[in-house]
Amino acid sequence: MPKDADHDPAEPGLFALAAAASLSSLQRSTGPVFDCQSCGACCSYSAEWPRFSTEDDAQLDRIPEKYVAANLSGMRCDGVRCSALSGEIGKSTACGIYEVRPDVCRACMPGDDDCLMARRAHGLPTS
């Protein structure tokens, strides 16, 4: 008997359908999935938001000085927009210091309360 004789050729397709159904039900149960790189609302919500709080000196030293507020309390903002953010809110955005971003930025997760609050402030969909 060939070594793959017990293999059903339809099996991969069935597994793919089952995986897609599981992902679809997971998305329904957890709410919509937001793509940060097509949003940026949390990085342009409040000049008070990108504040340093739990970072140690080594973390802060990695953030380029041009992005740090003059009083060293957090990220420098242009109005309410973080100076490290590039792109257009709700279309295409990127963080210029993503790998070394502050803890407050790391804490905001797609779809959490802070994300949804920022999206609402920019008139972006929340569901």
Protein backbone atom coordinates (compact mmCIF):
# COMPACT_ATOMS: atom_id res chain seq x y z
CA MET A 1 0.00 0.00 0.00
CA PRO A 2 1.44 3.45 -0.90
CA LYS A 3 2.47 5.41 2.17
CA ASP A 4 -0.18 8.12 1.54
CA ALA A 5 -3.00 5.74 0.63
CA ASP A 6 -4.87 6.62 3.81
CA HIS A 7 -4.68 10.35 2.97
CA ASP A 8 -7.95 11.89 1.77
CA PRO A 9 -7.21 14.44 -1.00
CA ALA A 10 -10.20 16.51 0.15
CA GLU A 11 -8.79 16.81 3.66
CA PRO A 12 -6.71 20.01 3.19
CA GLY A 13 -9.75 21.83 1.84
CA LEU A 14 -11.85 20.70 4.79
CA PHE A 15 -9.19 21.85 7.24
CA ALA A 16 -9.03 25.22 5.51
CA LEU A 17 -12.82 25.59 5.73
CA ALA A 18 -12.80 24.64 9.41
CA ALA A 19 -9.99 27.09 10.15
CA ALA A 20 -11.79 29.88 8.30
CA ALA A 21 -15.00 29.15 10.20
CA SER A 22 -13.10 29.22 13.51
CA LEU A 23 -11.46 32.54 12.62
CA SER A 24 -14.78 33.99 11.52
CA SER A 25 -16.49 32.99 14.78
CA LEU A 26 -13.53 34.30 16.79
CA GLN A 27 -13.77 37.67 15.04
CA ARG A 28 -17.52 37.81 15.73
CA SER A 29 -17.01 37.00 19.40
CA THR A 30 -14.17 39.46 19.94
CA GLY A 31 -15.50 42.27 17.77
CA PRO A 32 -14.03 43.90 14.71
CA VAL A 33 -10.34 43.75 13.93
CA PHE A 34 -8.70 47.16 13.54
CA ASP A 35 -5.52 47.68 11.54
CA CYS A 36 -3.33 50.27 13.28
CA GLN A 37 -1.51 51.14 10.06
CA SER A 38 -4.75 52.29 8.50
CA CYS A 39 -5.86 54.21 11.59
CA GLY A 40 -3.44 56.16 13.81
CA ALA A 41 -6.24 57.69 15.89
CA CYS A 42 -4.65 56.76 19.22
CA CYS A 43 -1.48 58.61 18.20
CA SER A 44 -3.44 61.72 17.37
CA TYR A 45 -5.95 61.92 20.18
CA SER A 46 -4.41 64.01 22.96
CA ALA A 47 -1.15 65.78 23.70
CA GLU A 48 -1.60 64.47 27.26
CA TRP A 49 -1.78 60.83 26.22
CA PRO A 50 1.76 59.96 25.11
CA ARG A 51 3.25 60.46 28.60
CA PHE A 52 6.20 58.59 30.01
CA SER A 53 5.37 56.72 33.19
CA THR A 54 6.78 53.22 33.55
CA GLU A 55 9.79 53.44 31.22
CA ASP A 56 13.25 53.07 32.69
CA ASP A 57 16.15 55.34 31.71
CA ALA A 58 17.47 52.84 29.17
CA GLN A 59 14.10 52.78 27.37
CA LEU A 60 13.87 56.58 27.35
CA ASP A 61 17.43 56.93 26.06
CA ARG A 62 16.45 54.96 22.91
CA ILE A 63 13.75 57.45 21.91
CA PRO A 64 15.25 60.07 19.55
CA GLU A 65 15.42 63.46 21.28
CA LYS A 66 13.55 65.20 18.46
CA TYR A 67 10.42 63.23 19.44
CA VAL A 68 10.59 63.99 23.18
CA ALA A 69 8.66 66.91 24.72
CA ALA A 70 10.76 69.84 25.92
CA ASN A 71 9.82 69.12 29.56
CA LEU A 72 10.81 65.44 29.07
CA SER A 73 7.39 64.26 30.29
CA GLY A 74 6.43 62.36 27.16
CA MET A 75 6.35 62.45 23.41
CA ARG A 76 6.45 65.79 21.61
CA CYS A 77 3.16 66.54 19.93
CA ASP A 78 2.15 68.82 17.10
CA GLY A 79 -1.23 69.86 18.48
CA VAL A 80 -2.70 66.55 19.61
CA ARG A 81 -0.72 64.46 17.13
CA CYS A 82 2.41 62.61 18.24
CA SER A 83 5.40 63.92 16.31
CA ALA A 84 6.56 60.35 15.60
CA LEU A 85 3.38 59.58 13.64
CA SER A 86 3.49 59.84 9.87
CA GLY A 87 0.67 59.52 7.37
CA GLU A 88 -3.01 60.40 7.29
CA ILE A 89 -5.30 59.42 10.16
CA GLY A 90 -7.84 56.82 9.07
CA LYS A 91 -6.00 56.06 5.83
CA SER A 92 -2.38 55.03 6.21
CA THR A 93 -0.14 55.72 9.20
CA ALA A 94 3.12 54.55 10.73
CA CYS A 95 5.08 55.15 13.91
CA GLY A 96 8.56 56.50 13.26
CA ILE A 97 9.84 54.93 16.49
CA TYR A 98 7.70 51.79 16.66
CA GLU A 99 10.47 49.54 18.01
CA VAL A 100 11.31 51.96 20.86
CA ARG A 101 7.86 53.51 21.45
CA PRO A 102 6.89 54.29 25.06
CA ASP A 103 4.93 51.90 27.27
CA VAL A 104 1.73 53.96 26.98
CA CYS A 105 1.82 53.37 23.23
CA ARG A 106 2.45 49.65 23.71
CA ALA A 107 -0.48 49.42 26.12
CA CYS A 108 -3.10 50.72 23.65
CA MET A 109 -4.40 47.66 21.84
CA PRO A 110 -6.52 47.53 18.66
CA GLY A 111 -10.18 47.52 19.66
CA ASP A 112 -9.68 48.26 23.36
CA ASP A 113 -11.48 51.11 25.15
CA ASP A 114 -8.70 53.64 24.44
CA CYS A 115 -8.59 52.67 20.77
CA LEU A 116 -12.35 52.99 20.38
CA MET A 117 -12.39 56.34 22.21
CA ALA A 118 -9.71 57.71 19.87
CA ARG A 119 -11.47 56.31 16.78
CA ARG A 120 -14.74 57.97 17.84
CA ALA A 121 -12.94 61.30 18.31
CA HIS A 122 -11.76 61.08 14.70
CA GLY A 123 -15.12 59.93 13.35
CA LEU A 124 -13.76 56.50 12.45
CA PRO A 125 -15.92 53.36 12.64
CA THR A 126 -15.85 51.47 15.93
CA SER A 127 -17.85 48.42 14.90
